[in-house]
Every structure is written in structure tokens, then in C-alpha cells.
């Protein structure tokens, strides 16, 4: 299956791509199914299962589901309109989605957190139902939010098979592994970014690709700037204070001082990433990269490169994003980018691999050095658990993005010091991530039932 750069990077809202964006997208899909059905529904109901139930409140899954059933979507989300809609829905206990009749929906009783009944397809599961006037179910659909804002129905999940994954692809460079990517690069003489762009050209014009990539960086960069300006306490009850603004002000004040230690550049990388993830934690607009929980790593490394590396130019940002998306696609296809499935190694680990590959590419690395950079970054995130305190995408997520950015830059630098030859391949590393995620205990996979989530006071 071809994964576009615009699948890996999507404009959405915080705090979670799988727990916020995914349920909102699923609700939107359910409304489309209703519009195409012969039914005349009078009410809606929803139940959340697995990780969506356990950390749903902290990830605003309930809020996203309510708004999704009212017709809101992540890429066109307007916070002021959403707040007004939520107030009205809770008061009237009704929703009126576009091109559908008014239907009853009481968030207090019609949205159920089912902690005792996980569904077999994925840890992030939800059931959406349309009912008649008596409350009997007219139509029902099971959705799985499989990470990065991707959503599939139960039938679509069951239809995923190795045969389908290995079906012929319409793109000119259909690499399904890093080994195939390097082989195609060697035979064609093209970079990873050039091959990825030619694959995108099958589905979009050159102008559409450039416009889409430009918008992605615009949203990423604006998110950094908002985060650097933001102050106050993040929502959710942990009383986590926004730190990016204060750190940024201190760094600016120190700029040019001869007493500043060289390692302070790490603080610049961290503050850019933390700015993004503080915005994400506040429910702001972010770009999945490849998820919301890991949304700060790639933008931070791009901003670091632009502002701190001599010779950097914005004209190369598309190459960075295309290269990063190629690596992100390999992680998703051959393992996972879902914290609920494989822990944070699948989120920040994949993001660091993507950022390292993108940076190595724009710094002039060969395809072999790009692959090496991605492998180094991912290898040193293997085994990382997803254990958000109180189910919020704040602790340890915000700082973890900063450290992920630092690792990405270090990985790219190390790879560029070599010739691309190395012992552990990116493919082996991705497969190790898949196996580690399979073996990882469920309490360490975005359920907030283990790790920091139970060892840090959260009230």
C-alpha cells in the first residue's frame, strides 16, 4: 500500500493523533455512512474501548468524538466554533450534523467508556451506533484508530493481509523496505527524496505537491512560534507549566555571549520541540509527524537546521519532508507508529528516525548515509514505553520530543561521518521495534497503567 507524504504528515489538532484526531475522523466517516444509508436515525451512541477508554479523558477522546458526531473534522477545525458547539450539545443533548437530521446525543449517557471489553483488532477501538426513536440500533460500525490519525473499520482491518500488502503498486519506486529503497536509489541514481517525489507525482501534480509541502511547514513553523510565545498552565489537571517561552527568552538573552557553552545548542533543539508539544497538549493545531505525541521532533530539527546550520535554505525543506516521509512509511508499514500498539518507540522513535534521515539528506548525505542516520536514531529508542501520566500527552511526552530531536541530530551527524556501511540495518531495527512492541506488556502501551503513570503523583 502506498503511503503518501500527506498520509504521514497531516494537519490536525492536539493532543493525540490516535486518541483525538482518529476518533474525530471515525465519527466523520460514520456520518458519511449514515448519509448514504436508507435509515432515518433519531439518535447516536458511542463506546470507547481499550486504550481509547483508559486514557480517553486525558487525550480528549470524548471531546473529539462528540465534535466529530457534530460534523467537525481535524483539518478544518475551528476551536471557537467547537467550544460553542460543545456547550450547545451538552445543554440540548442533541446534535445536527451537516446534511443529516437532528439527533439525540447526551454525552453523559450516550458516550460510554468501556474499560472491560477490549476489541480484538487494535488497542484503540470504538463503536459508533445510530438508533431509532425507541433507542434500537439501526446501524453500527467498529472503528480502529491505528496511529498517526489513520482510521480503519473492522472490515478494513480484517481485509489487511500480506497478499494485499504485496500487491503491485502503481508508483515507479514501490520500495517496501529500506533495502529495496537503497537498491532502487543505486539503480536509478536518484535520492530518496527524488524517488518519493516521483511516487507522489502518480497522484498529484508538481504544483500540488509543492503547495502541500509548503502548507505542512507553514503549520509546523507557526506551531513552534505559538508555543514559544505561550505561557501559563496546560489543561488537564497536572498543573504542568509551559516552559518553552521562558527557556527561549533565556536562550535569546544569552545569544552572542562568549560564556555560553557549546552544548547549549541542545537547548535550542529541545525548546523548539517542547514548543510544539506544549501547543499539542493545549489542543492546538499541529502536524502529525508521524503522530501528535511525537509532533515536535521533525519541526524542531528543521528549525534547528534553518536557524543554526550554515548554508541551510528553505528551498530544501521539501527534500527533508519527502525523505522523512519515506522512512516514516517504512516504520508504519513494517512495524507501527502507534504508542498503543508498540509503545513510544513507535512514536518518538519513528519521529527521530524520520528527522535524522531528513537532516542527513539536506546536509548532502548519500542514500546509504540517510538510511544509516534513520537506523541510529531508531535503534536508540528501542524499548521505550508509552506511559503518560494521567493519560495526558504532557509527562513525559513534551520533554521526550526534545530529547528525540537531539538524538536525531546526533544520529545524522554520526552517519555523515561514515560512508553508509554499518552492521545493523534500518530494516532489522524496524523489525526489532515490531517484535519489542508485540512483547511489551499492555500496561506500558498508552494505557497509563504502568511506568511513570503509576509512579508519579497525578493529582
Protein backbone atom coordinates (compact mmCIF):
# COMPACT_ATOMS: atom_id res chain seq x y z
CA UNK A 1 0.00 0.00 0.00
CA UNK A 2 1.40 3.40 -1.00
CA UNK A 3 1.71 5.89 1.85
CA UNK A 4 1.87 9.48 0.70
CA UNK A 5 3.89 12.19 2.39
CA UNK A 6 0.46 13.68 3.10
CA UNK A 7 -0.56 10.49 4.90
CA UNK A 8 2.46 10.57 7.17
CA UNK A 9 2.20 14.32 7.74
CA UNK A 10 -1.36 15.55 8.33
CA UNK A 11 -2.66 18.84 9.70
CA UNK A 12 -4.76 18.21 12.77
CA UNK A 13 -5.40 19.10 16.39
CA UNK A 14 -3.94 18.04 19.72
CA UNK A 15 -3.41 16.35 21.96
CA UNK A 16 -3.28 12.97 20.17
CA UNK A 17 -3.42 11.77 16.58
CA UNK A 18 -4.73 8.32 17.57
CA UNK A 19 -6.91 9.39 20.51
CA UNK A 20 -8.17 12.79 19.31
CA UNK A 21 -7.82 13.05 15.53
CA UNK A 22 -8.63 9.38 14.92
CA UNK A 23 -11.97 9.33 16.79
CA UNK A 24 -12.99 12.60 15.15
CA UNK A 25 -12.16 11.16 11.71
CA UNK A 26 -14.01 7.93 12.59
CA UNK A 27 -17.09 9.92 13.59
CA UNK A 28 -16.90 11.80 10.31
CA UNK A 29 -16.74 8.56 8.38
CA UNK A 30 -19.73 7.20 10.31
CA UNK A 31 -21.75 10.30 9.40
CA UNK A 32 -20.88 9.73 5.74
CA UNK A 33 -22.12 6.15 6.04
CA UNK A 34 -25.35 7.43 7.58
CA UNK A 35 -25.85 9.92 4.77
CA UNK A 36 -25.51 7.09 2.25
CA UNK A 37 -27.82 4.72 4.18
CA UNK A 38 -31.61 4.30 3.85
CA UNK A 39 -32.11 4.87 7.58
CA UNK A 40 -33.77 7.79 9.29
CA UNK A 41 -31.80 7.89 12.55
CA UNK A 42 -33.14 9.60 15.64
CA UNK A 43 -30.14 9.22 17.94
CA UNK A 44 -26.42 8.46 18.16
CA UNK A 45 -24.38 6.44 20.66
CA UNK A 46 -20.68 5.68 21.04
CA UNK A 47 -18.48 3.40 23.15
CA UNK A 48 -14.71 3.62 23.63
CA UNK A 49 -12.59 0.51 24.22
CA UNK A 50 -9.03 -0.44 25.15
CA UNK A 51 -6.57 2.44 25.21
CA UNK A 52 -9.24 4.85 23.95
CA UNK A 53 -11.14 4.15 27.16
CA UNK A 54 -8.24 4.04 29.62
CA UNK A 55 -6.64 7.33 28.53
CA UNK A 56 -9.59 8.83 26.68
CA UNK A 57 -10.29 11.70 29.06
CA UNK A 58 -6.65 12.76 29.19
CA UNK A 59 -6.40 12.62 25.40
CA UNK A 60 -9.74 14.44 24.89
CA UNK A 61 -11.17 11.40 23.11
CA UNK A 62 -14.63 12.10 24.48
CA UNK A 63 -14.47 15.70 23.27
CA UNK A 64 -13.23 14.63 19.83
CA UNK A 65 -15.97 12.02 19.48
CA UNK A 66 -18.71 14.47 20.42
CA UNK A 67 -17.41 17.09 17.99
CA UNK A 68 -16.89 14.50 15.26
CA UNK A 69 -20.51 13.39 15.54
CA UNK A 70 -21.48 17.05 15.24
CA UNK A 71 -19.61 17.29 11.94
CA UNK A 72 -16.20 18.70 12.93
CA UNK A 73 -13.05 17.40 11.20
CA UNK A 74 -9.38 17.86 12.18
CA UNK A 75 -8.14 19.60 9.03
CA UNK A 76 -10.87 22.28 9.13
CA UNK A 77 -11.17 22.53 12.91
CA UNK A 78 -12.16 25.89 14.41
CA UNK A 79 -11.70 26.00 18.18
CA UNK A 80 -14.16 28.84 18.86
CA UNK A 81 -16.91 27.12 16.89
CA UNK A 82 -16.08 23.82 18.59
CA UNK A 83 -16.40 25.30 22.07
CA UNK A 84 -19.76 26.83 21.19
CA UNK A 85 -20.96 23.52 19.74
CA UNK A 86 -19.90 21.58 22.83
CA UNK A 87 -21.78 23.97 25.09
CA UNK A 88 -24.93 23.64 22.98
CA UNK A 89 -24.73 19.84 22.72
CA UNK A 90 -24.34 19.41 26.47
CA UNK A 91 -27.27 21.75 27.08
CA UNK A 92 -29.67 20.39 24.44
CA UNK A 93 -28.42 16.77 24.34
CA UNK A 94 -28.77 16.87 20.56
CA UNK A 95 -26.52 17.11 17.50
CA UNK A 96 -27.31 18.29 13.98
CA UNK A 97 -24.50 17.24 11.61
CA UNK A 98 -24.49 18.76 8.11
CA UNK A 99 -26.95 17.06 5.73
CA UNK A 100 -28.43 14.86 8.46
CA UNK A 101 -31.47 15.29 10.70
CA UNK A 102 -31.21 16.49 14.27
CA UNK A 103 -30.46 13.52 16.53
CA UNK A 104 -30.40 12.92 20.26
CA UNK A 105 -26.94 12.56 21.80
CA UNK A 106 -26.36 13.02 25.51
CA UNK A 107 -22.59 12.90 26.17
CA UNK A 108 -23.23 11.88 29.78
CA UNK A 109 -25.11 8.69 28.86
CA UNK A 110 -24.61 8.06 25.14
CA UNK A 111 -20.79 8.10 25.24
CA UNK A 112 -19.55 5.09 27.24
CA UNK A 113 -16.01 4.35 28.40
CA UNK A 114 -15.96 0.55 28.27
CA UNK A 115 -12.88 -0.40 30.30
CA UNK A 116 -13.74 -4.11 30.49
CA UNK A 117 -14.25 -5.02 26.84
CA UNK A 118 -11.21 -4.57 24.58
CA UNK A 119 -11.84 -5.30 20.91
CA UNK A 120 -9.61 -7.74 19.02
CA UNK A 121 -8.49 -5.60 16.09
CA UNK A 122 -6.42 -2.94 17.86
CA UNK A 123 -5.89 -1.35 21.25
CA UNK A 124 -7.57 1.87 20.06
CA UNK A 125 -11.16 0.84 19.35
CA UNK A 126 -14.57 2.48 19.27
CA UNK A 127 -18.11 1.53 18.29
CA UNK A 128 -20.46 4.11 16.78
CA UNK A 129 -24.20 3.49 16.57
CA UNK A 130 -27.26 5.15 15.07
CA UNK A 131 -30.60 4.42 16.77
CA UNK A 132 -34.29 4.78 16.08
CA UNK A 133 -36.85 6.62 18.24
CA UNK A 134 -37.02 3.66 20.66
CA UNK A 135 -33.25 3.51 21.03
CA UNK A 136 -32.83 0.34 18.98
CA UNK A 137 -29.68 0.21 16.86
CA UNK A 138 -30.26 0.84 13.17
CA UNK A 139 -26.63 0.90 12.09
CA UNK A 140 -23.36 0.14 13.87
CA UNK A 141 -19.70 0.31 12.89
CA UNK A 142 -16.50 -0.65 14.67
CA UNK A 143 -13.53 1.66 14.05
CA UNK A 144 -9.88 1.23 14.95
CA UNK A 145 -7.61 4.26 15.30
CA UNK A 146 -4.31 2.67 14.30
CA UNK A 147 -1.93 5.59 14.90
CA UNK A 148 -0.99 8.85 13.23
CA UNK A 149 -4.63 9.75 12.58
CA UNK A 150 -5.19 6.66 10.42
CA UNK A 151 -8.60 5.02 10.91
CA UNK A 152 -9.96 1.73 9.59
CA UNK A 153 -13.27 -0.08 10.04
CA UNK A 154 -13.40 -3.61 11.40
CA UNK A 155 -13.93 -4.98 7.87
CA UNK A 156 -10.99 -2.95 6.57
CA UNK A 157 -8.81 -4.20 9.42
CA UNK A 158 -9.76 -7.82 8.64
CA UNK A 159 -9.04 -7.25 4.96
CA UNK A 160 -5.45 -6.23 5.64
CA UNK A 161 -3.30 -9.18 4.60
CA UNK A 162 0.24 -9.90 3.40
CA UNK A 163 -1.11 -10.64 -0.06
CA UNK A 164 -2.74 -7.23 -0.26
CA UNK A 165 0.36 -5.52 1.14
CA UNK A 166 2.46 -7.20 -1.56
CA UNK A 167 0.11 -6.32 -4.42
CA UNK A 168 1.67 -4.42 -7.34
CA UNK A 169 2.00 -0.68 -6.71
CA UNK A 170 1.29 1.98 -9.35
CA UNK A 171 4.28 4.10 -8.31
CA UNK A 172 7.66 3.95 -10.08
CA UNK A 173 9.66 3.29 -6.90
CA UNK A 174 7.48 0.95 -4.76
CA UNK A 175 10.04 0.20 -2.04
CA UNK A 176 8.58 -1.70 0.90
CA UNK A 177 11.85 -1.95 2.80
CA UNK A 178 14.96 0.13 3.33
CA UNK A 179 16.94 -2.48 1.40
CA UNK A 180 14.65 -2.03 -1.61
CA UNK A 181 14.87 1.74 -1.21
CA UNK A 182 18.68 1.64 -1.35
CA UNK A 183 18.68 -0.78 -4.27
CA UNK A 184 16.31 1.44 -6.27
CA UNK A 185 18.35 4.52 -5.41
CA UNK A 186 21.54 2.83 -6.60
CA UNK A 187 19.99 1.66 -9.88
CA UNK A 188 18.28 4.98 -10.65
CA UNK A 189 20.95 7.35 -9.35
CA UNK A 190 18.20 9.25 -7.54
CA UNK A 191 18.00 10.40 -3.94
CA UNK A 192 15.33 9.15 -1.55
CA UNK A 193 13.52 12.48 -1.88
CA UNK A 194 13.59 12.34 -5.67
CA UNK A 195 12.14 8.83 -5.71
CA UNK A 196 9.48 9.79 -3.17
CA UNK A 197 8.53 12.85 -5.23
CA UNK A 198 8.16 10.78 -8.40
CA UNK A 199 5.92 8.38 -6.48
CA UNK A 200 3.77 11.31 -5.36
CA UNK A 201 3.53 12.52 -8.97
CA UNK A 202 1.35 9.49 -9.79
CA UNK A 203 -1.39 11.02 -7.64
CA UNK A 204 -0.71 14.79 -7.65
CA UNK A 205 0.77 17.45 -9.88
CA UNK A 206 4.14 19.01 -9.10
CA UNK A 207 2.37 22.21 -8.07
CA UNK A 208 0.02 20.33 -5.72
CA UNK A 209 2.95 18.53 -4.10
CA UNK A 210 4.86 21.77 -3.55
CA UNK A 211 1.78 23.59 -2.23
CA UNK A 212 1.01 20.74 0.16
CA UNK A 213 4.58 20.56 1.47
CA UNK A 214 4.65 24.34 1.86
CA UNK A 215 1.49 24.24 3.95
CA UNK A 216 2.87 21.46 6.13
CA UNK A 217 5.96 23.50 7.01
CA UNK A 218 3.87 26.65 7.46
CA UNK A 219 1.70 24.89 10.05
CA UNK A 220 4.74 23.30 11.72
CA UNK A 221 6.62 26.59 11.92
CA UNK A 222 3.59 28.51 13.16
CA UNK A 223 3.09 25.88 15.84
CA UNK A 224 6.68 26.38 17.04
CA UNK A 225 6.17 30.16 17.16
CA UNK A 226 2.89 29.89 19.08
CA UNK A 227 4.49 27.50 21.52
CA UNK A 228 7.46 29.80 22.08
CA UNK A 229 5.06 32.66 22.85
CA UNK A 230 2.65 30.65 25.01
CA UNK A 231 2.62 30.91 28.79
CA UNK A 232 0.53 29.56 31.66
CA UNK A 233 -0.62 26.14 32.81
CA UNK A 234 -1.52 23.34 30.44
CA UNK A 235 -5.06 21.90 30.76
CA UNK A 236 -5.80 18.51 32.26
CA UNK A 237 -5.18 18.82 35.96
CA UNK A 238 -1.48 18.02 36.24
CA UNK A 239 -0.68 21.73 36.54
CA UNK A 240 2.21 21.40 34.11
CA UNK A 241 3.65 24.82 33.40
CA UNK A 242 4.55 25.84 29.88
CA UNK A 243 8.34 26.11 29.83
CA UNK A 244 9.25 26.77 26.19
CA UNK A 245 8.66 30.52 26.40
CA UNK A 246 10.92 31.03 29.41
CA UNK A 247 13.69 28.83 28.03
CA UNK A 248 13.52 30.60 24.68
CA UNK A 249 13.75 34.03 26.27
CA UNK A 250 16.80 32.92 28.27
CA UNK A 251 18.46 31.47 25.18
CA UNK A 252 17.90 34.68 23.23
CA UNK A 253 19.38 36.72 26.08
CA UNK A 254 22.48 34.50 26.12
CA UNK A 255 22.97 34.60 22.36
CA UNK A 256 26.34 36.07 21.45
CA UNK A 257 27.78 35.74 24.95
CA UNK A 258 31.23 34.20 24.89
CA UNK A 259 30.48 32.40 28.15
CA UNK A 260 27.78 30.21 26.56
CA UNK A 261 28.84 26.55 26.44
CA UNK A 262 28.67 24.71 23.09
CA UNK A 263 26.21 22.15 24.47
CA UNK A 264 23.58 24.90 24.84
CA UNK A 265 22.69 24.24 21.19
CA UNK A 266 20.89 21.16 22.55
CA UNK A 267 18.60 23.51 24.46
CA UNK A 268 17.62 25.21 21.19
CA UNK A 269 16.66 21.85 19.69
CA UNK A 270 14.71 20.94 22.81
CA UNK A 271 12.87 24.24 23.09
CA UNK A 272 11.61 24.08 19.51
CA UNK A 273 10.26 20.57 20.10
CA UNK A 274 8.81 21.43 23.51
CA UNK A 275 7.05 24.45 22.00
CA UNK A 276 5.23 22.18 19.54
CA UNK A 277 4.25 19.63 22.14
CA UNK A 278 3.05 22.24 24.60
CA UNK A 279 0.78 23.51 21.82
CA UNK A 280 -0.33 19.94 21.18
CA UNK A 281 -1.05 19.39 24.88
CA UNK A 282 -3.18 22.53 24.83
CA UNK A 283 -5.25 21.17 21.92
CA UNK A 284 -3.73 23.45 19.31
CA UNK A 285 -3.15 22.89 15.61
CA UNK A 286 -0.21 20.58 14.87
CA UNK A 287 1.06 18.32 12.11
CA UNK A 288 1.27 14.59 12.77
CA UNK A 289 4.95 13.75 12.37
CA UNK A 290 4.15 10.87 12.30
CA UNK A 291 1.85 11.29 15.35
CA UNK A 292 0.74 14.14 17.59
CA UNK A 293 2.57 12.74 20.59
CA UNK A 294 5.79 12.91 18.55
CA UNK A 295 4.86 16.02 16.57
CA UNK A 296 7.73 18.15 17.86
CA UNK A 297 10.74 16.17 16.67
CA UNK A 298 10.69 16.79 12.90
CA UNK A 299 9.75 20.51 13.10
CA UNK A 300 12.41 21.08 15.78
CA UNK A 301 15.14 19.53 13.66
CA UNK A 302 14.07 21.55 10.61
CA UNK A 303 14.04 24.79 12.62
CA UNK A 304 17.41 23.92 14.14
CA UNK A 305 18.82 23.31 10.67
CA UNK A 306 17.39 26.54 9.25
CA UNK A 307 18.42 28.78 12.14
CA UNK A 308 21.68 27.26 13.33
CA UNK A 309 23.36 25.42 10.44
CA UNK A 310 25.34 27.48 7.89
CA UNK A 311 24.14 27.04 4.32
CA UNK A 312 20.62 25.92 5.23
CA UNK A 313 17.92 27.15 2.88
CA UNK A 314 14.12 26.85 3.00
CA UNK A 315 14.15 25.61 -0.60
CA UNK A 316 15.39 22.23 0.68
CA UNK A 317 12.56 21.73 3.18
CA UNK A 318 10.57 19.65 0.64
CA UNK A 319 13.52 17.25 0.34
CA UNK A 320 13.65 16.98 4.13
CA UNK A 321 9.93 16.20 4.40
CA UNK A 322 9.89 13.75 1.49
CA UNK A 323 12.88 11.85 2.87
CA UNK A 324 11.38 11.80 6.36
CA UNK A 325 8.05 10.56 4.98
CA UNK A 326 9.77 7.70 3.16
CA UNK A 327 11.28 6.49 6.44
CA UNK A 328 8.01 7.06 8.33
CA UNK A 329 6.21 4.96 5.75
CA UNK A 330 8.64 2.09 6.30
CA UNK A 331 8.12 2.28 10.08
CA UNK A 332 4.34 2.24 9.72
CA UNK A 333 4.23 -0.47 7.05
CA UNK A 334 6.65 -2.88 8.69
CA UNK A 335 6.05 -2.16 12.39
CA UNK A 336 3.87 0.62 13.82
CA UNK A 337 3.71 4.32 14.63
CA UNK A 338 1.12 3.74 17.37
CA UNK A 339 2.03 4.09 21.04
CA UNK A 340 -0.94 1.90 21.92
CA UNK A 341 0.49 -0.84 19.74
CA UNK A 342 4.27 -0.62 20.22
CA UNK A 343 4.95 1.99 22.92
CA UNK A 344 6.73 5.30 22.47
CA UNK A 345 9.50 3.68 20.44
CA UNK A 346 6.89 3.68 17.65
CA UNK A 347 6.12 7.38 18.11
CA UNK A 348 9.18 9.39 19.19
CA UNK A 349 11.47 6.62 17.93
CA UNK A 350 9.95 6.72 14.45
CA UNK A 351 9.91 10.53 14.51
CA UNK A 352 13.60 10.65 15.41
CA UNK A 353 14.41 8.23 12.58
CA UNK A 354 12.44 10.40 10.16
CA UNK A 355 14.11 13.61 11.34
CA UNK A 356 17.59 12.08 11.22
CA UNK A 357 17.01 10.87 7.67
CA UNK A 358 15.67 14.26 6.56
CA UNK A 359 18.58 16.14 8.12
CA UNK A 360 21.18 13.79 6.64
CA UNK A 361 19.57 14.29 3.23
CA UNK A 362 19.64 18.09 3.26
CA UNK A 363 23.20 18.06 4.61
CA UNK A 364 24.27 16.21 1.46
CA UNK A 365 24.16 12.62 2.67
CA UNK A 366 24.01 9.70 0.27
CA UNK A 367 21.00 7.35 0.40
CA UNK A 368 23.20 4.94 2.39
CA UNK A 369 24.03 7.66 4.94
CA UNK A 370 20.36 8.65 5.13
CA UNK A 371 19.39 5.05 5.91
CA UNK A 372 22.20 4.83 8.47
CA UNK A 373 21.02 8.05 10.17
CA UNK A 374 17.48 6.71 10.48
CA UNK A 375 18.73 3.41 11.88
CA UNK A 376 20.93 5.03 14.52
CA UNK A 377 18.09 7.25 15.73
CA UNK A 378 15.54 4.42 15.90
CA UNK A 379 17.92 1.90 17.45
CA UNK A 380 18.44 4.11 20.46
CA UNK A 381 14.74 4.45 21.15
CA UNK A 382 14.05 0.69 21.10
CA UNK A 383 12.07 -0.48 24.11
CA UNK A 384 10.76 2.96 25.03
CA UNK A 385 7.40 2.67 26.76
CA UNK A 386 4.36 4.89 26.40
CA UNK A 387 3.34 5.74 29.97
CA UNK A 388 1.67 9.18 30.01
CA UNK A 389 0.89 10.44 33.49
CA UNK A 390 -2.89 10.80 33.95
CA UNK A 391 -3.31 9.88 30.27
CA UNK A 392 -2.21 13.36 29.24
CA UNK A 393 0.22 13.99 26.39
CA UNK A 394 2.43 16.04 28.71
CA UNK A 395 4.64 13.99 31.02
CA UNK A 396 6.96 12.54 29.76
CA UNK A 397 5.89 13.37 26.21
CA UNK A 398 6.87 17.05 25.97
CA UNK A 399 10.49 16.67 27.09
CA UNK A 400 10.76 13.33 25.29
CA UNK A 401 10.29 15.16 21.98
CA UNK A 402 13.17 17.46 22.85
CA UNK A 403 15.47 14.53 23.52
CA UNK A 404 14.20 12.84 20.36
CA UNK A 405 15.26 15.87 18.33
CA UNK A 406 18.72 15.86 19.93
CA UNK A 407 19.13 12.15 19.17
CA UNK A 408 18.02 12.75 15.58
CA UNK A 409 20.64 15.43 15.00
CA UNK A 410 23.35 13.32 16.66
CA UNK A 411 22.35 10.31 14.54
CA UNK A 412 22.54 12.31 11.31
CA UNK A 413 25.92 13.73 12.30
CA UNK A 414 27.34 10.30 13.12
CA UNK A 415 26.02 8.84 9.86
CA UNK A 416 27.60 11.63 7.84
CA UNK A 417 30.96 10.85 9.48
CA UNK A 418 30.82 7.42 7.85
CA UNK A 419 30.31 6.04 4.36
CA UNK A 420 26.89 4.48 4.99
CA UNK A 421 28.21 1.00 5.76
CA UNK A 422 27.06 -0.30 9.13
CA UNK A 423 26.20 -3.51 10.96
CA UNK A 424 22.52 -3.07 11.91
CA UNK A 425 20.21 -2.24 9.00
CA UNK A 426 17.18 0.02 9.29
CA UNK A 427 15.02 -2.95 8.29
CA UNK A 428 16.41 -5.02 11.16
CA UNK A 429 15.82 -2.15 13.54
CA UNK A 430 12.21 -1.68 12.40
CA UNK A 431 11.55 -5.42 12.74
CA UNK A 432 13.07 -5.33 16.23
CA UNK A 433 10.70 -2.49 17.10
CA UNK A 434 7.76 -4.59 15.89
CA UNK A 435 8.82 -7.60 17.94
CA UNK A 436 9.54 -5.50 21.02
CA UNK A 437 6.13 -3.87 20.73
CA UNK A 438 4.46 -7.27 20.42
CA UNK A 439 6.21 -8.49 23.57
CA UNK A 440 5.75 -5.28 25.58
CA UNK A 441 3.22 -5.54 28.41
CA UNK A 442 -0.05 -3.73 27.71
CA UNK A 443 0.38 -1.50 30.77
CA UNK A 444 3.30 0.19 29.01
CA UNK A 445 1.37 0.87 25.80
CA UNK A 446 -0.60 4.09 26.28
CA UNK A 447 -2.94 2.76 28.95
CA UNK A 448 -1.45 4.78 31.84
CA UNK A 449 -1.47 1.57 33.90
CA UNK A 450 2.30 1.31 34.33
CA UNK A 451 5.61 3.16 34.37
CA UNK A 452 5.67 6.86 35.19
CA UNK A 453 1.89 6.92 35.03
CA UNK A 454 1.64 4.99 38.30
CA UNK A 455 4.81 6.19 39.99
CA UNK A 456 4.27 9.93 39.67
CA UNK A 457 1.52 11.59 41.78
CA UNK A 458 -1.01 12.95 39.28
CA UNK A 459 -3.42 14.84 41.44
